[in-house]
Every structure is written in structure tokens, then in C-alpha cells.
């Protein structure tokens, strides 16, 4: 993808409000590239150092976090979402309630 795509994703990500989540696929669709969810994941994985973008608000389309359950990254994302008021059922976010469009 192009640096322009990165910037579009960063802008969309910055717009996701606290207490809401979005999916990799949703960001790709909003950017005009509906089949590029994996590239969105790569962009988030490679955010610039010191970025304050809310990467933790992006989850899988099935409501699960993308990190392995129990990993440090999973715990960090889970805790940040809980602090923002996002609720889970088991290991899954209630997308019907917390999904941002």
C-alpha cells in the first residue's frame, strides 16, 4: 500500500471515540479499500514511535482481540478497553453495543 493509505487509516483511527471499537475490515472499508483489512493490521503494528493513536480500539470482526489470550499485548488492550467502558462477554466485545461506524 501507499503512505497515503497509512495516513487515511491514521485519520480514521483518530476519529474512533473512547468507549467504542472498530474492526480492521471496517477501517479498510471506510478508507475505500474493503479487501485490505490485513494491511490495516500491518499499519497498526507499525505505528510511528510515540504515536498516541488509539490502536487498542481496533479488534477482529468477530469481536475478539487479535492478540493471543493472556499475552502482554492482549492484557494491555483488554485493560485499556475496560477502562474506557467497553464490556466483554467472555473474550469477545459486544459489537452490537460498542461498534463504531
PDB file of N, CA and C in Angstrom:
ATOM      1  N   UNK A   1       0.837  -1.170   0.000  1.00  0.00           N
ATOM      2  CA  UNK A   1       0.000   0.000   0.000  1.00  0.00           C
ATOM      3  C   UNK A   1       0.889   1.243   0.000  1.00  0.00           C
ATOM      4  N   UNK A   2       0.266   2.374  -0.016  1.00  0.00           N
ATOM      5  CA  UNK A   2       0.992   3.631  -0.134  1.00  0.00           C
ATOM      6  C   UNK A   2       1.007   4.385   1.195  1.00  0.00           C
ATOM      7  N   UNK A   3       1.927   5.335   1.328  1.00  0.00           N
ATOM      8  CA  UNK A   3       1.906   6.178   2.534  1.00  0.00           C
ATOM      9  C   UNK A   3       0.587   6.933   2.682  1.00  0.00           C
ATOM     10  N   UNK A   4      -0.073   7.227   1.574  1.00  0.00           N
ATOM     11  CA  UNK A   4      -1.374   7.905   1.644  1.00  0.00           C
ATOM     12  C   UNK A   4      -2.384   7.011   2.354  1.00  0.00           C
ATOM     13  N   UNK A   5      -2.385   5.723   2.050  1.00  0.00           N
ATOM     14  CA  UNK A   5      -3.282   4.785   2.723  1.00  0.00           C
ATOM     15  C   UNK A   5      -3.007   4.783   4.227  1.00  0.00           C
ATOM     16  N   UNK A   6      -1.739   4.783   4.606  1.00  0.00           N
ATOM     17  CA  UNK A   6      -1.371   4.848   6.029  1.00  0.00           C
ATOM     18  C   UNK A   6      -2.014   6.070   6.686  1.00  0.00           C
ATOM     19  N   UNK A   7      -1.887   7.213   6.055  1.00  0.00           N
ATOM     20  CA  UNK A   7      -2.410   8.452   6.629  1.00  0.00           C
ATOM     21  C   UNK A   7      -3.940   8.430   6.728  1.00  0.00           C
ATOM     22  N   UNK A   8      -4.591   7.840   5.747  1.00  0.00           N
ATOM     23  CA  UNK A   8      -6.051   7.719   5.796  1.00  0.00           C
ATOM     24  C   UNK A   8      -6.453   6.862   6.995  1.00  0.00           C
ATOM     25  N   UNK A   9      -5.764   5.748   7.169  1.00  0.00           N
ATOM     26  CA  UNK A   9      -6.058   4.863   8.299  1.00  0.00           C
ATOM     27  C   UNK A   9      -5.796   5.584   9.616  1.00  0.00           C
ATOM     28  N   UNK A  10      -4.697   6.316   9.704  1.00  0.00           N
ATOM     29  CA  UNK A  10      -4.392   7.065  10.938  1.00  0.00           C
ATOM     30  C   UNK A  10      -5.510   8.062  11.250  1.00  0.00           C
ATOM     31  N   UNK A  11      -5.993   8.758  10.224  1.00  0.00           N
ATOM     32  CA  UNK A  11      -7.067   9.741  10.442  1.00  0.00           C
ATOM     33  C   UNK A  11      -8.358   9.063  10.897  1.00  0.00           C
ATOM     34  N   UNK A  12      -8.702   7.960  10.272  1.00  0.00           N
ATOM     35  CA  UNK A  12      -9.903   7.225  10.679  1.00  0.00           C
ATOM     36  C   UNK A  12      -9.757   6.700  12.101  1.00  0.00           C
ATOM     37  N   UNK A  13      -8.593   6.168  12.414  1.00  0.00           N
ATOM     38  CA  UNK A  13      -8.342   5.637  13.747  1.00  0.00           C
ATOM     39  C   UNK A  13      -8.463   6.741  14.801  1.00  0.00           C
ATOM     40  N   UNK A  14      -7.940   7.904  14.497  1.00  0.00           N
ATOM     41  CA  UNK A  14      -8.016   9.028  15.432  1.00  0.00           C
ATOM     42  C   UNK A  14      -9.461   9.434  15.718  1.00  0.00           C
ATOM     43  N   UNK A  15     -10.371   9.132  14.799  1.00  0.00           N
ATOM     44  CA  UNK A  15     -11.775   9.520  14.957  1.00  0.00           C
ATOM     45  C   UNK A  15     -12.588   8.540  15.802  1.00  0.00           C
ATOM     46  N   UNK A  16     -12.040   7.356  16.083  1.00  0.00           N
ATOM     47  CA  UNK A  16     -12.785   6.362  16.873  1.00  0.00           C
ATOM     48  C   UNK A  16     -12.870   6.876  18.311  1.00  0.00           C
ATOM     49  N   UNK A  17     -14.092   7.114  18.793  1.00  0.00           N
ATOM     50  CA  UNK A  17     -14.225   7.696  20.136  1.00  0.00           C
ATOM     51  C   UNK A  17     -13.916   6.711  21.259  1.00  0.00           C
ATOM     52  N   UNK A  18     -13.534   7.249  22.381  1.00  0.00           N
ATOM     53  CA  UNK A  18     -13.328   6.457  23.582  1.00  0.00           C
ATOM     54  C   UNK A  18     -14.614   5.708  23.907  1.00  0.00           C
ATOM     55  N   UNK A  19     -14.471   4.447  24.305  1.00  0.00           N
ATOM     56  CA  UNK A  19     -15.628   3.638  24.640  1.00  0.00           C
ATOM     57  C   UNK A  19     -16.253   2.928  23.460  1.00  0.00           C
ATOM     58  N   UNK A  20     -15.655   3.079  22.292  1.00  0.00           N
ATOM     59  CA  UNK A  20     -16.128   2.397  21.080  1.00  0.00           C
ATOM     60  C   UNK A  20     -14.977   1.602  20.478  1.00  0.00           C
ATOM     61  N   UNK A  21     -15.318   0.633  19.652  1.00  0.00           N
ATOM     62  CA  UNK A  21     -14.321  -0.144  18.916  1.00  0.00           C
ATOM     63  C   UNK A  21     -14.697  -0.165  17.447  1.00  0.00           C
ATOM     64  N   UNK A  22     -13.728  -0.487  16.639  1.00  0.00           N
ATOM     65  CA  UNK A  22     -13.959  -0.711  15.216  1.00  0.00           C
ATOM     66  C   UNK A  22     -13.157  -1.947  14.826  1.00  0.00           C
ATOM     67  N   UNK A  23     -13.384  -2.433  13.627  1.00  0.00           N
ATOM     68  CA  UNK A  23     -12.704  -3.636  13.151  1.00  0.00           C
ATOM     69  C   UNK A  23     -11.723  -3.263  12.041  1.00  0.00           C
ATOM     70  N   UNK A  24     -10.735  -4.093  11.861  1.00  0.00           N
ATOM     71  CA  UNK A  24      -9.761  -3.879  10.793  1.00  0.00           C
ATOM     72  C   UNK A  24     -10.484  -3.717   9.455  1.00  0.00           C
ATOM     73  N   UNK A  25     -11.456  -4.580   9.238  1.00  0.00           N
ATOM     74  CA  UNK A  25     -12.228  -4.549   7.990  1.00  0.00           C
ATOM     75  C   UNK A  25     -13.006  -3.242   7.845  1.00  0.00           C
ATOM     76  N   UNK A  26     -13.579  -2.758   8.953  1.00  0.00           N
ATOM     77  CA  UNK A  26     -14.339  -1.511   8.906  1.00  0.00           C
ATOM     78  C   UNK A  26     -13.449  -0.339   8.508  1.00  0.00           C
ATOM     79  N   UNK A  27     -12.255  -0.271   9.086  1.00  0.00           N
ATOM     80  CA  UNK A  27     -11.332   0.808   8.726  1.00  0.00           C
ATOM     81  C   UNK A  27     -10.944   0.724   7.255  1.00  0.00           C
ATOM     82  N   UNK A  28     -10.684  -0.487   6.781  1.00  0.00           N
ATOM     83  CA  UNK A  28     -10.323  -0.659   5.376  1.00  0.00           C
ATOM     84  C   UNK A  28     -11.464  -0.198   4.463  1.00  0.00           C
ATOM     85  N   UNK A  29     -12.697  -0.574   4.806  1.00  0.00           N
ATOM     86  CA  UNK A  29     -13.860  -0.152   4.020  1.00  0.00           C
ATOM     87  C   UNK A  29     -14.001   1.354   4.012  1.00  0.00           C
ATOM     88  N   UNK A  30     -13.895   1.969   5.183  1.00  0.00           N
ATOM     89  CA  UNK A  30     -14.037   3.419   5.282  1.00  0.00           C
ATOM     90  C   UNK A  30     -12.956   4.146   4.490  1.00  0.00           C
ATOM     91  N   UNK A  31     -11.796   3.527   4.369  1.00  0.00           N
ATOM     92  CA  UNK A  31     -10.697   4.129   3.606  1.00  0.00           C
ATOM     93  C   UNK A  31     -10.868   3.926   2.105  1.00  0.00           C
ATOM     94  N   UNK A  32     -11.852   3.110   1.718  1.00  0.00           N
ATOM     95  CA  UNK A  32     -12.084   2.859   0.301  1.00  0.00           C
ATOM     96  C   UNK A  32     -11.383   1.624  -0.228  1.00  0.00           C
ATOM     97  N   UNK A  33     -10.854   0.791   0.674  1.00  0.00           N
ATOM     98  CA  UNK A  33     -10.154  -0.431   0.297  1.00  0.00           C
ATOM     99  C   UNK A  33     -10.733  -1.611   1.084  1.00  0.00           C
ATOM    100  N   UNK A  34     -11.938  -2.060   0.736  1.00  0.00           N
ATOM    101  CA  UNK A  34     -12.645  -3.048   1.553  1.00  0.00           C
ATOM    102  C   UNK A  34     -11.947  -4.389   1.713  1.00  0.00           C
ATOM    103  N   UNK A  35     -11.019  -4.715   0.858  1.00  0.00           N
ATOM    104  CA  UNK A  35     -10.329  -6.005   0.948  1.00  0.00           C
ATOM    105  C   UNK A  35      -8.928  -5.904   1.545  1.00  0.00           C
ATOM    106  N   UNK A  36      -8.675  -4.855   2.310  1.00  0.00           N
ATOM    107  CA  UNK A  36      -7.330  -4.616   2.824  1.00  0.00           C
ATOM    108  C   UNK A  36      -7.257  -4.602   4.352  1.00  0.00           C
ATOM    109  N   UNK A  37      -8.069  -5.414   5.004  1.00  0.00           N
ATOM    110  CA  UNK A  37      -8.061  -5.474   6.467  1.00  0.00           C
ATOM    111  C   UNK A  37      -6.688  -5.882   6.997  1.00  0.00           C
ATOM    112  N   UNK A  38      -6.041  -6.814   6.322  1.00  0.00           N
ATOM    113  CA  UNK A  38      -4.720  -7.269   6.775  1.00  0.00           C
ATOM    114  C   UNK A  38      -3.700  -6.129   6.720  1.00  0.00           C
ATOM    115  N   UNK A  39      -3.793  -5.295   5.693  1.00  0.00           N
ATOM    116  CA  UNK A  39      -2.888  -4.150   5.581  1.00  0.00           C
ATOM    117  C   UNK A  39      -3.143  -3.152   6.707  1.00  0.00           C
ATOM    118  N   UNK A  40      -4.404  -3.007   7.112  1.00  0.00           N
ATOM    119  CA  UNK A  40      -4.715  -2.137   8.251  1.00  0.00           C
ATOM    120  C   UNK A  40      -3.993  -2.667   9.489  1.00  0.00           C
ATOM    121  N   UNK A  41      -4.028  -3.965   9.686  1.00  0.00           N
ATOM    122  CA  UNK A  41      -3.307  -4.568  10.810  1.00  0.00           C
ATOM    123  C   UNK A  41      -1.826  -4.264  10.758  1.00  0.00           C
ATOM    124  N   UNK A  42      -1.244  -4.338   9.579  1.00  0.00           N
ATOM    125  CA  UNK A  42       0.189  -4.023   9.438  1.00  0.00           C
ATOM    126  C   UNK A  42       0.476  -2.558   9.736  1.00  0.00           C
ATOM    127  N   UNK A  43      -0.426  -1.685   9.325  1.00  0.00           N
ATOM    128  CA  UNK A  43      -0.247  -0.255   9.613  1.00  0.00           C
ATOM    129  C   UNK A  43      -0.264  -0.035  11.123  1.00  0.00           C
ATOM    130  N   UNK A  44      -1.202  -0.674  11.805  1.00  0.00           N
ATOM    131  CA  UNK A  44      -1.286  -0.504  13.256  1.00  0.00           C
ATOM    132  C   UNK A  44      -0.077  -1.106  13.961  1.00  0.00           C
ATOM    133  N   UNK A  45       0.399  -2.211  13.439  1.00  0.00           N
ATOM    134  CA  UNK A  45       1.578  -2.849  14.025  1.00  0.00           C
ATOM    135  C   UNK A  45       2.812  -1.967  13.885  1.00  0.00           C
ATOM    136  N   UNK A  46       2.813  -1.097  12.890  1.00  0.00           N
ATOM    137  CA  UNK A  46       3.977  -0.259  12.606  1.00  0.00           C
ATOM    138  C   UNK A  46       3.701   1.232  12.813  1.00  0.00           C
ATOM    139  N   UNK A  47       2.860   1.556  13.791  1.00  0.00           N
ATOM    140  CA  UNK A  47       2.611   2.966  14.084  1.00  0.00           C
ATOM    141  C   UNK A  47       3.921   3.663  14.443  1.00  0.00           C
ATOM    142  N   UNK A  48       4.040   4.933  14.109  1.00  0.00           N
ATOM    143  CA  UNK A  48       5.275   5.658  14.433  1.00  0.00           C
ATOM    144  C   UNK A  48       5.538   5.662  15.944  1.00  0.00           C
ATOM    145  N   UNK A  49       6.810   5.660  16.309  1.00  0.00           N
ATOM    146  CA  UNK A  49       7.180   5.742  17.716  1.00  0.00           C
ATOM    147  C   UNK A  49       6.541   6.966  18.355  1.00  0.00           C
ATOM    148  N   UNK A  50       6.025   6.795  19.549  1.00  0.00           N
ATOM    149  CA  UNK A  50       5.414   7.904  20.268  1.00  0.00           C
ATOM    150  C   UNK A  50       3.998   8.229  19.825  1.00  0.00           C
ATOM    151  N   UNK A  51       3.437   7.422  18.953  1.00  0.00           N
ATOM    152  CA  UNK A  51       2.082   7.672  18.477  1.00  0.00           C
ATOM    153  C   UNK A  51       1.085   7.561  19.629  1.00  0.00           C
ATOM    154  N   UNK A  52       0.116   8.432  19.640  1.00  0.00           N
ATOM    155  CA  UNK A  52      -0.947   8.389  20.640  1.00  0.00           C
ATOM    156  C   UNK A  52      -2.269   7.943  20.014  1.00  0.00           C
ATOM    157  N   UNK A  53      -2.194   7.373  18.814  1.00  0.00           N
ATOM    158  CA  UNK A  53      -3.405   6.884  18.160  1.00  0.00           C
ATOM    159  C   UNK A  53      -3.981   5.708  18.957  1.00  0.00           C
ATOM    160  N   UNK A  54      -5.297   5.611  19.053  1.00  0.00           N
ATOM    161  CA  UNK A  54      -5.934   4.573  19.872  1.00  0.00           C
ATOM    162  C   UNK A  54      -6.000   3.210  19.183  1.00  0.00           C
ATOM    163  N   UNK A  55      -4.856   2.615  18.959  1.00  0.00           N
ATOM    164  CA  UNK A  55      -4.767   1.311  18.297  1.00  0.00           C
ATOM    165  C   UNK A  55      -5.596   0.265  19.028  1.00  0.00           C
ATOM    166  N   UNK A  56      -5.726   0.429  20.344  1.00  0.00           N
ATOM    167  CA  UNK A  56      -6.423  -0.569  21.166  1.00  0.00           C
ATOM    168  C   UNK A  56      -7.912  -0.646  20.855  1.00  0.00           C
ATOM    169  N   UNK A  57      -8.445   0.313  20.118  1.00  0.00           N
ATOM    170  CA  UNK A  57      -9.868   0.319  19.771  1.00  0.00           C
ATOM    171  C   UNK A  57     -10.166  -0.473  18.507  1.00  0.00           C
ATOM    172  N   UNK A  58      -9.175  -1.126  17.937  1.00  0.00           N
ATOM    173  CA  UNK A  58      -9.371  -1.918  16.712  1.00  0.00           C
ATOM    174  C   UNK A  58      -9.289  -3.404  17.078  1.00  0.00           C
ATOM    175  N   UNK A  59     -10.343  -4.131  16.719  1.00  0.00           N
ATOM    176  CA  UNK A  59     -10.436  -5.549  17.048  1.00  0.00           C
ATOM    177  C   UNK A  59     -10.851  -6.338  15.808  1.00  0.00           C
ATOM    178  N   UNK A  60     -10.891  -7.643  15.961  1.00  0.00           N
ATOM    179  CA  UNK A  60     -11.313  -8.503  14.852  1.00  0.00           C
ATOM    180  C   UNK A  60     -12.814  -8.384  14.622  1.00  0.00           C
ATOM    181  N   UNK A  61     -13.257  -8.743  13.449  1.00  0.00           N
ATOM    182  CA  UNK A  61     -14.672  -8.631  13.076  1.00  0.00           C
ATOM    183  C   UNK A  61     -15.561  -9.575  13.875  1.00  0.00           C
ATOM    184  N   UNK A  62     -14.985 -10.575  14.518  1.00  0.00           N
ATOM    185  CA  UNK A  62     -15.790 -11.487  15.343  1.00  0.00           C
ATOM    186  C   UNK A  62     -15.874 -11.018  16.793  1.00  0.00           C
ATOM    187  N   UNK A  63     -15.310  -9.839  17.085  1.00  0.00           N
ATOM    188  CA  UNK A  63     -15.383  -9.281  18.420  1.00  0.00           C
ATOM    189  C   UNK A  63     -14.224  -9.635  19.328  1.00  0.00           C
ATOM    190  N   UNK A  64     -13.347 -10.510  18.877  1.00  0.00           N
ATOM    191  CA  UNK A  64     -12.177 -10.894  19.677  1.00  0.00           C
ATOM    192  C   UNK A  64     -11.021  -9.926  19.454  1.00  0.00           C
ATOM    193  N   UNK A  65     -10.152  -9.855  20.435  1.00  0.00           N
ATOM    194  CA  UNK A  65      -8.903  -9.124  20.262  1.00  0.00           C
ATOM    195  C   UNK A  65      -7.984  -9.986  19.415  1.00  0.00           C
ATOM    196  N   UNK A  66      -7.097  -9.349  18.659  1.00  0.00           N
ATOM    197  CA  UNK A  66      -6.250 -10.092  17.717  1.00  0.00           C
ATOM    198  C   UNK A  66      -5.072 -10.780  18.403  1.00  0.00           C
ATOM    199  N   UNK A  67      -4.716 -10.328  19.598  1.00  0.00           N
ATOM    200  CA  UNK A  67      -3.561 -10.905  20.295  1.00  0.00           C
ATOM    201  C   UNK A  67      -3.951 -12.207  20.996  1.00  0.00           C
ATOM    202  N   UNK A  68      -2.986 -13.091  21.213  1.00  0.00           N
ATOM    203  CA  UNK A  68      -3.284 -14.329  21.944  1.00  0.00           C
ATOM    204  C   UNK A  68      -3.766 -14.015  23.368  1.00  0.00           C
ATOM    205  N   UNK A  69      -4.815 -14.702  23.793  1.00  0.00           N
ATOM    206  CA  UNK A  69      -5.351 -14.509  25.142  1.00  0.00           C
ATOM    207  C   UNK A  69      -4.235 -14.752  26.158  1.00  0.00           C
ATOM    208  N   UNK A  70      -4.107 -13.836  27.091  1.00  0.00           N
ATOM    209  CA  UNK A  70      -3.101 -13.980  28.138  1.00  0.00           C
ATOM    210  C   UNK A  70      -1.773 -13.311  27.833  1.00  0.00           C
ATOM    211  N   UNK A  71      -1.549 -12.950  26.574  1.00  0.00           N
ATOM    212  CA  UNK A  71      -0.281 -12.287  26.238  1.00  0.00           C
ATOM    213  C   UNK A  71      -0.262 -10.874  26.818  1.00  0.00           C
ATOM    214  N   UNK A  72       0.913 -10.296  26.933  1.00  0.00           N
ATOM    215  CA  UNK A  72       1.039  -8.939  27.472  1.00  0.00           C
ATOM    216  C   UNK A  72       0.274  -7.942  26.603  1.00  0.00           C
ATOM    217  N   UNK A  73       0.342  -8.093  25.283  1.00  0.00           N
ATOM    218  CA  UNK A  73      -0.364  -7.184  24.381  1.00  0.00           C
ATOM    219  C   UNK A  73      -1.879  -7.335  24.560  1.00  0.00           C
ATOM    220  N   UNK A  74      -2.348  -8.568  24.714  1.00  0.00           N
ATOM    221  CA  UNK A  74      -3.774  -8.806  24.946  1.00  0.00           C
ATOM    222  C   UNK A  74      -4.210  -8.113  26.228  1.00  0.00           C
ATOM    223  N   UNK A  75      -3.467  -8.308  27.287  1.00  0.00           N
ATOM    224  CA  UNK A  75      -3.816  -7.713  28.577  1.00  0.00           C
ATOM    225  C   UNK A  75      -3.840  -6.187  28.506  1.00  0.00           C
ATOM    226  N   UNK A  76      -2.871  -5.610  27.795  1.00  0.00           N
ATOM    227  CA  UNK A  76      -2.822  -4.159  27.658  1.00  0.00           C
ATOM    228  C   UNK A  76      -4.059  -3.649  26.915  1.00  0.00           C
ATOM    229  N   UNK A  77      -4.378  -4.275  25.784  1.00  0.00           N
ATOM    230  CA  UNK A  77      -5.543  -3.846  25.007  1.00  0.00           C
ATOM    231  C   UNK A  77      -6.828  -4.056  25.806  1.00  0.00           C
ATOM    232  N   UNK A  78      -6.963  -5.197  26.426  1.00  0.00           N
ATOM    233  CA  UNK A  78      -8.144  -5.520  27.217  1.00  0.00           C
ATOM    234  C   UNK A  78      -8.351  -4.484  28.326  1.00  0.00           C
ATOM    235  N   UNK A  79      -7.295  -4.188  29.069  1.00  0.00           N
ATOM    236  CA  UNK A  79      -7.401  -3.236  30.178  1.00  0.00           C
ATOM    237  C   UNK A  79      -7.755  -1.833  29.693  1.00  0.00           C
ATOM    238  N   UNK A  80      -7.152  -1.413  28.590  1.00  0.00           N
ATOM    239  CA  UNK A  80      -7.459  -0.082  28.058  1.00  0.00           C
ATOM    240  C   UNK A  80      -8.916   0.014  27.638  1.00  0.00           C
ATOM    241  N   UNK A  81      -9.427  -1.032  27.013  1.00  0.00           N
ATOM    242  CA  UNK A  81     -10.836  -1.022  26.599  1.00  0.00           C
ATOM    243  C   UNK A  81     -11.765  -1.036  27.814  1.00  0.00           C
ATOM    244  N   UNK A  82     -11.464  -1.845  28.801  1.00  0.00           N
ATOM    245  CA  UNK A  82     -12.265  -1.903  30.029  1.00  0.00           C
ATOM    246  C   UNK A  82     -12.291  -0.521  30.694  1.00  0.00           C
ATOM    247  N   UNK A  83     -11.132   0.138  30.750  1.00  0.00           N
ATOM    248  CA  UNK A  83     -11.056   1.471  31.363  1.00  0.00           C
ATOM    249  C   UNK A  83     -11.924   2.485  30.626  1.00  0.00           C
ATOM    250  N   UNK A  84     -12.137   2.266  29.335  1.00  0.00           N
ATOM    251  CA  UNK A  84     -12.975   3.165  28.539  1.00  0.00           C
ATOM    252  C   UNK A  84     -14.455   2.783  28.604  1.00  0.00           C
ATOM    253  N   UNK A  85     -14.770   1.702  29.313  1.00  0.00           N
ATOM    254  CA  UNK A  85     -16.161   1.303  29.467  1.00  0.00           C
ATOM    255  C   UNK A  85     -16.646   0.247  28.493  1.00  0.00           C
ATOM    256  N   UNK A  86     -15.752  -0.284  27.675  1.00  0.00           N
ATOM    257  CA  UNK A  86     -16.125  -1.351  26.738  1.00  0.00           C
ATOM    258  C   UNK A  86     -16.302  -2.641  27.536  1.00  0.00           C
ATOM    259  N   UNK A  87     -17.408  -3.331  27.308  1.00  0.00           N
ATOM    260  CA  UNK A  87     -17.683  -4.572  28.019  1.00  0.00           C
ATOM    261  C   UNK A  87     -17.442  -5.786  27.120  1.00  0.00           C
ATOM    262  N   UNK A  88     -17.054  -6.862  27.770  1.00  0.00           N
ATOM    263  CA  UNK A  88     -16.783  -8.126  27.099  1.00  0.00           C
ATOM    264  C   UNK A  88     -17.753  -9.183  27.606  1.00  0.00           C
ATOM    265  N   UNK A  89     -18.067 -10.118  26.731  1.00  0.00           N
ATOM    266  CA  UNK A  89     -18.739 -11.350  27.115  1.00  0.00           C
ATOM    267  C   UNK A  89     -17.723 -12.442  26.852  1.00  0.00           C
ATOM    268  N   UNK A  90     -17.194 -13.013  27.911  1.00  0.00           N
ATOM    269  CA  UNK A  90     -16.069 -13.928  27.749  1.00  0.00           C
ATOM    270  C   UNK A  90     -14.883 -13.138  27.217  1.00  0.00           C
ATOM    271  N   UNK A  91     -14.349 -13.559  26.083  1.00  0.00           N
ATOM    272  CA  UNK A  91     -13.219 -12.867  25.453  1.00  0.00           C
ATOM    273  C   UNK A  91     -13.652 -12.035  24.258  1.00  0.00           C
ATOM    274  N   UNK A  92     -14.934 -11.726  24.166  1.00  0.00           N
ATOM    275  CA  UNK A  92     -15.469 -11.051  22.995  1.00  0.00           C
ATOM    276  C   UNK A  92     -16.139  -9.732  23.384  1.00  0.00           C
ATOM    277  N   UNK A  93     -15.857  -8.682  22.598  1.00  0.00           N
ATOM    278  CA  UNK A  93     -16.521  -7.396  22.789  1.00  0.00           C
ATOM    279  C   UNK A  93     -17.940  -7.502  22.256  1.00  0.00           C
ATOM    280  N   UNK A  94     -18.868  -6.870  22.936  1.00  0.00           N
ATOM    281  CA  UNK A  94     -20.255  -6.823  22.476  1.00  0.00           C
ATOM    282  C   UNK A  94     -20.342  -5.811  21.329  1.00  0.00           C
ATOM    283  N   UNK A  95     -20.109  -6.273  20.116  1.00  0.00           N
ATOM    284  CA  UNK A  95     -20.063  -5.379  18.953  1.00  0.00           C
ATOM    285  C   UNK A  95     -21.378  -4.645  18.729  1.00  0.00           C
ATOM    286  N   UNK A  96     -22.496  -5.291  19.002  1.00  0.00           N
ATOM    287  CA  UNK A  96     -23.790  -4.634  18.787  1.00  0.00           C
ATOM    288  C   UNK A  96     -23.902  -3.358  19.621  1.00  0.00           C
ATOM    289  N   UNK A  97     -23.214  -3.330  20.739  1.00  0.00           N
ATOM    290  CA  UNK A  97     -23.283  -2.182  21.640  1.00  0.00           C
ATOM    291  C   UNK A  97     -22.125  -1.200  21.466  1.00  0.00           C
ATOM    292  N   UNK A  98     -20.944  -1.704  21.153  1.00  0.00           N
ATOM    293  CA  UNK A  98     -19.747  -0.864  21.198  1.00  0.00           C
ATOM    294  C   UNK A  98     -19.084  -0.578  19.850  1.00  0.00           C
ATOM    295  N   UNK A  99     -19.628  -1.120  18.774  1.00  0.00           N
ATOM    296  CA  UNK A  99     -19.017  -0.913  17.460  1.00  0.00           C
ATOM    297  C   UNK A  99     -19.279   0.501  16.963  1.00  0.00           C
ATOM    298  N   UNK A 100     -18.231   1.155  16.500  1.00  0.00           N
ATOM    299  CA  UNK A 100     -18.308   2.492  15.922  1.00  0.00           C
ATOM    300  C   UNK A 100     -18.374   2.365  14.414  1.00  0.00           C
ATOM    301  N   UNK A 101     -19.282   3.112  13.799  1.00  0.00           N
ATOM    302  CA  UNK A 101     -19.403   3.092  12.333  1.00  0.00           C
ATOM    303  C   UNK A 101     -19.085   4.451  11.784  1.00  0.00           C
TER     304      UNK A 101
END
